[in-house]
């Protein structure tokens, strides 16, 4: 599971950086474009620490799932609140990408937790 956290964190960092660079190139830069990167950094660090510390792995992975769940709820909630007026833009693509990556991580983590519980 730490590897999944690292991979999803890396994807979120890339989404955030690409969104910010796109904003800079179109003269619409905003630090809010980096929100996926901030969530990604947290997931990345939790995955790295979980890989290094076996005793804290469960706790760190539960924290990672909580971060991903909050990331999903925030980005999906923002999209749902603007559902009637959504247009194809870099911001929308970034929000959809963040929501999908976070949701995928939550699903994979819950499956991993269930599998681990059954194995005991």
N, C-alpha and C. Protein backbone atom coordinates (compact mmCIF):
# COMPACT_ATOMS: atom_id res chain seq x y z
N UNK A 1 0.80 -1.20 0.00
CA UNK A 1 0.00 0.00 0.00
C UNK A 1 0.85 1.28 0.00
N UNK A 2 2.02 1.28 0.66
CA UNK A 2 2.86 2.49 0.59
C UNK A 2 3.25 2.85 -0.85
N UNK A 3 3.47 1.85 -1.67
CA UNK A 3 3.83 2.11 -3.07
C UNK A 3 2.68 2.78 -3.81
N UNK A 4 1.46 2.37 -3.51
CA UNK A 4 0.28 2.97 -4.13
C UNK A 4 0.15 4.43 -3.69
N UNK A 5 0.42 4.67 -2.41
CA UNK A 5 0.37 6.04 -1.89
C UNK A 5 1.42 6.92 -2.57
N UNK A 6 2.60 6.37 -2.75
CA UNK A 6 3.66 7.12 -3.42
C UNK A 6 3.29 7.40 -4.88
N UNK A 7 2.74 6.40 -5.56
CA UNK A 7 2.37 6.58 -6.97
C UNK A 7 1.25 7.61 -7.12
N UNK A 8 0.22 7.50 -6.29
CA UNK A 8 -0.90 8.46 -6.38
C UNK A 8 -0.45 9.85 -5.96
N UNK A 9 0.42 9.93 -4.96
CA UNK A 9 0.96 11.22 -4.55
C UNK A 9 1.75 11.87 -5.67
N UNK A 10 2.55 11.08 -6.35
CA UNK A 10 3.34 11.60 -7.47
C UNK A 10 2.43 12.11 -8.59
N UNK A 11 1.38 11.35 -8.89
CA UNK A 11 0.41 11.78 -9.92
C UNK A 11 -0.24 13.11 -9.53
N UNK A 12 -0.62 13.25 -8.28
CA UNK A 12 -1.26 14.48 -7.84
C UNK A 12 -0.29 15.67 -7.89
N UNK A 13 0.97 15.44 -7.55
CA UNK A 13 1.97 16.50 -7.65
C UNK A 13 2.10 16.94 -9.11
N UNK A 14 2.15 15.97 -10.02
CA UNK A 14 2.24 16.30 -11.45
C UNK A 14 1.00 17.07 -11.93
N UNK A 15 -0.18 16.65 -11.49
CA UNK A 15 -1.41 17.35 -11.87
C UNK A 15 -1.36 18.80 -11.40
N UNK A 16 -0.96 19.00 -10.16
CA UNK A 16 -0.87 20.35 -9.62
C UNK A 16 0.15 21.21 -10.34
N UNK A 17 1.32 20.64 -10.61
CA UNK A 17 2.37 21.41 -11.29
C UNK A 17 1.96 21.73 -12.72
N UNK A 18 1.37 20.76 -13.41
CA UNK A 18 0.92 21.01 -14.78
C UNK A 18 -0.17 22.08 -14.82
N UNK A 19 -1.08 22.03 -13.85
CA UNK A 19 -2.13 23.04 -13.78
C UNK A 19 -1.56 24.43 -13.55
N UNK A 20 -0.56 24.52 -12.67
CA UNK A 20 0.04 25.82 -12.38
C UNK A 20 0.83 26.34 -13.57
N UNK A 21 1.61 25.45 -14.21
CA UNK A 21 2.38 25.86 -15.39
C UNK A 21 1.45 26.30 -16.50
N UNK A 22 0.34 25.60 -16.69
CA UNK A 22 -0.64 26.01 -17.70
C UNK A 22 -1.17 27.40 -17.38
N UNK A 23 -1.44 27.66 -16.11
CA UNK A 23 -1.91 28.98 -15.71
C UNK A 23 -0.88 30.07 -15.98
N UNK A 24 0.38 29.77 -15.71
CA UNK A 24 1.45 30.74 -15.97
C UNK A 24 1.55 31.03 -17.46
N UNK A 25 1.43 29.99 -18.27
CA UNK A 25 1.56 30.16 -19.72
C UNK A 25 0.39 30.94 -20.31
N UNK A 26 -0.77 30.89 -19.68
CA UNK A 26 -1.94 31.60 -20.20
C UNK A 26 -2.24 32.88 -19.42
N UNK A 27 -1.31 33.29 -18.57
CA UNK A 27 -1.46 34.49 -17.74
C UNK A 27 -2.67 34.42 -16.81
N UNK A 28 -3.00 33.21 -16.35
CA UNK A 28 -4.08 33.02 -15.39
C UNK A 28 -3.59 32.22 -14.19
N UNK A 29 -2.33 32.44 -13.81
CA UNK A 29 -1.77 31.63 -12.74
C UNK A 29 -2.47 31.91 -11.41
N UNK A 30 -2.62 30.82 -10.66
CA UNK A 30 -3.26 30.91 -9.36
C UNK A 30 -2.66 29.80 -8.49
N UNK A 31 -2.39 30.14 -7.24
CA UNK A 31 -1.83 29.14 -6.35
C UNK A 31 -2.82 28.02 -6.05
N UNK A 32 -4.10 28.25 -6.28
CA UNK A 32 -5.08 27.18 -6.07
C UNK A 32 -4.86 26.03 -7.04
N UNK A 33 -4.19 26.29 -8.15
CA UNK A 33 -3.88 25.21 -9.09
C UNK A 33 -2.92 24.20 -8.46
N UNK A 34 -2.23 24.61 -7.40
CA UNK A 34 -1.28 23.72 -6.74
C UNK A 34 -1.91 22.85 -5.65
N UNK A 35 -3.21 22.98 -5.42
CA UNK A 35 -3.87 22.19 -4.38
C UNK A 35 -3.66 20.69 -4.59
N UNK A 36 -3.80 20.16 -5.81
CA UNK A 36 -3.52 18.72 -5.98
C UNK A 36 -2.07 18.37 -5.60
N UNK A 37 -1.15 19.27 -5.86
CA UNK A 37 0.25 19.01 -5.51
C UNK A 37 0.43 18.94 -4.00
N UNK A 38 -0.25 19.80 -3.26
CA UNK A 38 -0.14 19.77 -1.81
C UNK A 38 -0.69 18.46 -1.24
N UNK A 39 -1.84 18.04 -1.74
CA UNK A 39 -2.41 16.76 -1.32
C UNK A 39 -1.47 15.62 -1.72
N UNK A 40 -0.90 15.72 -2.91
CA UNK A 40 0.03 14.70 -3.39
C UNK A 40 1.28 14.60 -2.55
N UNK A 41 1.80 15.73 -2.11
CA UNK A 41 3.00 15.72 -1.27
C UNK A 41 2.72 15.00 0.04
N UNK A 42 1.55 15.24 0.62
CA UNK A 42 1.18 14.56 1.87
C UNK A 42 1.09 13.05 1.64
N UNK A 43 0.42 12.63 0.56
CA UNK A 43 0.32 11.19 0.26
C UNK A 43 1.69 10.59 -0.01
N UNK A 44 2.51 11.31 -0.72
CA UNK A 44 3.86 10.86 -1.03
C UNK A 44 4.67 10.65 0.24
N UNK A 45 4.64 11.63 1.12
CA UNK A 45 5.40 11.53 2.38
C UNK A 45 4.86 10.42 3.28
N UNK A 46 3.55 10.29 3.36
CA UNK A 46 2.99 9.21 4.17
C UNK A 46 3.40 7.84 3.63
N UNK A 47 3.43 7.70 2.30
CA UNK A 47 3.87 6.45 1.70
C UNK A 47 5.34 6.16 1.97
N UNK A 48 6.17 7.18 1.89
CA UNK A 48 7.60 7.01 2.15
C UNK A 48 7.83 6.63 3.61
N UNK A 49 7.18 7.34 4.53
CA UNK A 49 7.35 7.04 5.95
C UNK A 49 6.80 5.66 6.29
N UNK A 50 5.69 5.26 5.68
CA UNK A 50 5.11 3.94 5.93
C UNK A 50 6.04 2.84 5.43
N UNK A 51 6.73 3.09 4.35
CA UNK A 51 7.67 2.12 3.81
C UNK A 51 8.87 1.94 4.74
N UNK A 52 9.28 3.02 5.38
CA UNK A 52 10.46 2.99 6.25
C UNK A 52 10.16 2.50 7.67
N UNK A 53 8.93 2.66 8.14
CA UNK A 53 8.60 2.33 9.52
C UNK A 53 7.47 1.31 9.56
N UNK A 54 7.83 0.06 9.68
CA UNK A 54 6.86 -1.03 9.67
C UNK A 54 5.86 -0.92 10.82
N UNK A 55 6.31 -0.47 11.98
CA UNK A 55 5.45 -0.37 13.14
C UNK A 55 4.34 0.66 12.99
N UNK A 56 4.58 1.69 12.22
CA UNK A 56 3.58 2.75 12.01
C UNK A 56 2.84 2.62 10.69
N UNK A 57 3.14 1.58 9.92
CA UNK A 57 2.58 1.46 8.57
C UNK A 57 1.05 1.55 8.56
N UNK A 58 0.39 0.79 9.43
CA UNK A 58 -1.08 0.81 9.45
C UNK A 58 -1.62 2.21 9.71
N UNK A 59 -1.05 2.86 10.71
CA UNK A 59 -1.53 4.20 11.06
C UNK A 59 -1.29 5.20 9.93
N UNK A 60 -0.12 5.12 9.33
CA UNK A 60 0.21 6.04 8.25
C UNK A 60 -0.66 5.80 7.02
N UNK A 61 -0.97 4.56 6.73
CA UNK A 61 -1.82 4.26 5.58
C UNK A 61 -3.28 4.68 5.85
N UNK A 62 -3.72 4.54 7.09
CA UNK A 62 -5.05 5.04 7.42
C UNK A 62 -5.09 6.57 7.29
N UNK A 63 -4.03 7.22 7.69
CA UNK A 63 -3.96 8.69 7.53
C UNK A 63 -3.95 9.05 6.04
N UNK A 64 -3.25 8.26 5.23
CA UNK A 64 -3.20 8.52 3.79
C UNK A 64 -4.59 8.38 3.17
N UNK A 65 -5.34 7.38 3.60
CA UNK A 65 -6.70 7.20 3.08
C UNK A 65 -7.58 8.37 3.49
N UNK A 66 -7.42 8.85 4.70
CA UNK A 66 -8.19 10.01 5.15
C UNK A 66 -7.87 11.24 4.31
N UNK A 67 -6.59 11.46 4.02
CA UNK A 67 -6.18 12.59 3.19
C UNK A 67 -6.77 12.45 1.79
N UNK A 68 -6.70 11.24 1.23
CA UNK A 68 -7.24 11.02 -0.12
C UNK A 68 -8.76 11.18 -0.14
N UNK A 69 -9.43 10.71 0.90
CA UNK A 69 -10.87 10.87 0.97
C UNK A 69 -11.26 12.34 1.05
N UNK A 70 -10.54 13.10 1.87
CA UNK A 70 -10.81 14.54 1.94
C UNK A 70 -10.51 15.23 0.61
N UNK A 71 -9.44 14.80 -0.06
CA UNK A 71 -9.12 15.34 -1.38
C UNK A 71 -10.21 15.05 -2.39
N UNK A 72 -10.74 13.83 -2.34
CA UNK A 72 -11.83 13.47 -3.25
C UNK A 72 -13.08 14.30 -2.95
N UNK A 73 -13.44 14.36 -1.67
CA UNK A 73 -14.66 15.10 -1.30
C UNK A 73 -14.55 16.58 -1.66
N UNK A 74 -13.38 17.16 -1.46
CA UNK A 74 -13.20 18.58 -1.77
C UNK A 74 -13.29 18.83 -3.27
N UNK A 75 -12.58 18.03 -4.05
CA UNK A 75 -12.59 18.27 -5.50
C UNK A 75 -13.93 17.88 -6.13
N UNK A 76 -14.49 16.76 -5.72
CA UNK A 76 -15.78 16.35 -6.27
C UNK A 76 -16.89 17.31 -5.82
N UNK A 77 -16.82 17.75 -4.58
CA UNK A 77 -17.81 18.70 -4.08
C UNK A 77 -17.77 20.00 -4.85
N UNK A 78 -16.58 20.45 -5.16
CA UNK A 78 -16.42 21.68 -5.94
C UNK A 78 -17.02 21.50 -7.34
N UNK A 79 -16.79 20.34 -7.94
CA UNK A 79 -17.34 20.07 -9.27
C UNK A 79 -18.86 20.00 -9.23
N UNK A 80 -19.40 19.32 -8.24
CA UNK A 80 -20.86 19.17 -8.14
C UNK A 80 -21.52 20.53 -7.92
N UNK A 81 -20.87 21.39 -7.13
CA UNK A 81 -21.47 22.70 -6.86
C UNK A 81 -21.53 23.58 -8.11
N UNK A 82 -20.68 23.29 -9.09
CA UNK A 82 -20.66 24.06 -10.34
C UNK A 82 -21.21 23.25 -11.51
N UNK A 83 -21.94 22.21 -11.23
CA UNK A 83 -22.37 21.28 -12.28
C UNK A 83 -23.08 21.95 -13.44
N UNK A 84 -23.91 22.91 -13.18
CA UNK A 84 -24.66 23.56 -14.24
C UNK A 84 -23.83 24.48 -15.11
N UNK A 85 -22.72 24.97 -14.60
CA UNK A 85 -21.93 25.95 -15.35
C UNK A 85 -20.51 25.47 -15.66
N UNK A 86 -20.30 24.16 -15.69
CA UNK A 86 -18.97 23.64 -15.99
C UNK A 86 -18.64 23.84 -17.46
N UNK A 87 -17.42 24.26 -17.69
CA UNK A 87 -16.93 24.36 -19.06
C UNK A 87 -15.57 23.67 -19.11
N UNK A 88 -15.18 23.26 -20.28
CA UNK A 88 -13.91 22.58 -20.43
C UNK A 88 -12.78 23.58 -20.23
N UNK A 89 -12.05 23.42 -19.14
CA UNK A 89 -10.93 24.29 -18.85
C UNK A 89 -9.87 23.50 -18.10
N UNK A 90 -8.70 24.09 -17.97
CA UNK A 90 -7.62 23.42 -17.24
C UNK A 90 -8.01 23.19 -15.78
N UNK A 91 -8.73 24.13 -15.19
CA UNK A 91 -9.14 23.99 -13.80
C UNK A 91 -10.08 22.80 -13.62
N UNK A 92 -11.01 22.64 -14.52
CA UNK A 92 -11.96 21.52 -14.44
C UNK A 92 -11.23 20.20 -14.65
N UNK A 93 -10.33 20.16 -15.63
CA UNK A 93 -9.56 18.95 -15.88
C UNK A 93 -8.74 18.59 -14.64
N UNK A 94 -8.14 19.58 -14.01
CA UNK A 94 -7.35 19.35 -12.81
C UNK A 94 -8.21 18.83 -11.67
N UNK A 95 -9.40 19.41 -11.48
CA UNK A 95 -10.29 18.96 -10.41
C UNK A 95 -10.79 17.54 -10.66
N UNK A 96 -11.16 17.24 -11.90
CA UNK A 96 -11.62 15.90 -12.23
C UNK A 96 -10.49 14.90 -12.04
N UNK A 97 -9.29 15.25 -12.48
CA UNK A 97 -8.13 14.36 -12.32
C UNK A 97 -7.84 14.10 -10.85
N UNK A 98 -7.87 15.14 -10.05
CA UNK A 98 -7.62 14.99 -8.61
C UNK A 98 -8.68 14.09 -7.98
N UNK A 99 -9.93 14.32 -8.32
CA UNK A 99 -11.01 13.51 -7.76
C UNK A 99 -10.83 12.04 -8.14
N UNK A 100 -10.49 11.77 -9.38
CA UNK A 100 -10.33 10.38 -9.83
C UNK A 100 -9.14 9.70 -9.17
N UNK A 101 -8.02 10.39 -9.07
CA UNK A 101 -6.83 9.79 -8.45
C UNK A 101 -7.10 9.52 -6.97
N UNK A 102 -7.70 10.47 -6.28
CA UNK A 102 -8.01 10.30 -4.86
C UNK A 102 -9.01 9.17 -4.65
N UNK A 103 -10.04 9.11 -5.48
CA UNK A 103 -11.04 8.05 -5.36
C UNK A 103 -10.41 6.68 -5.63
N UNK A 104 -9.57 6.60 -6.64
CA UNK A 104 -8.89 5.34 -6.96
C UNK A 104 -8.05 4.89 -5.77
N UNK A 105 -7.32 5.82 -5.15
CA UNK A 105 -6.51 5.46 -4.00
C UNK A 105 -7.38 4.96 -2.85
N UNK A 106 -8.48 5.63 -2.58
CA UNK A 106 -9.38 5.21 -1.49
C UNK A 106 -9.91 3.81 -1.76
N UNK A 107 -10.33 3.54 -2.98
CA UNK A 107 -10.87 2.22 -3.33
C UNK A 107 -9.80 1.15 -3.17
N UNK A 108 -8.61 1.41 -3.69
CA UNK A 108 -7.52 0.43 -3.56
C UNK A 108 -7.13 0.21 -2.10
N UNK A 109 -7.13 1.26 -1.31
CA UNK A 109 -6.76 1.14 0.10
C UNK A 109 -7.81 0.34 0.86
N UNK A 110 -9.07 0.62 0.63
CA UNK A 110 -10.13 -0.13 1.33
C UNK A 110 -10.06 -1.60 0.95
N UNK A 111 -9.83 -1.89 -0.32
CA UNK A 111 -9.67 -3.27 -0.76
C UNK A 111 -8.48 -3.92 -0.06
N UNK A 112 -7.39 -3.21 0.05
CA UNK A 112 -6.20 -3.73 0.73
C UNK A 112 -6.48 -3.98 2.21
N UNK A 113 -7.20 -3.07 2.86
CA UNK A 113 -7.54 -3.24 4.27
C UNK A 113 -8.42 -4.47 4.47
N UNK A 114 -9.39 -4.65 3.58
CA UNK A 114 -10.28 -5.81 3.67
C UNK A 114 -9.50 -7.10 3.46
N UNK A 115 -8.63 -7.12 2.45
CA UNK A 115 -7.80 -8.30 2.19
C UNK A 115 -6.90 -8.63 3.38
N UNK A 116 -6.32 -7.61 3.99
CA UNK A 116 -5.44 -7.82 5.14
C UNK A 116 -6.24 -8.37 6.32
N UNK A 117 -7.44 -7.88 6.52
CA UNK A 117 -8.28 -8.35 7.63
C UNK A 117 -8.68 -9.81 7.42
N UNK A 118 -8.99 -10.17 6.18
CA UNK A 118 -9.37 -11.55 5.88
C UNK A 118 -8.20 -12.51 6.04
N UNK A 119 -6.99 -12.03 5.81
CA UNK A 119 -5.81 -12.87 5.88
C UNK A 119 -5.43 -13.20 7.33
N UNK A 120 -5.98 -12.46 8.28
CA UNK A 120 -5.62 -12.68 9.69
C UNK A 120 -6.33 -13.85 10.27
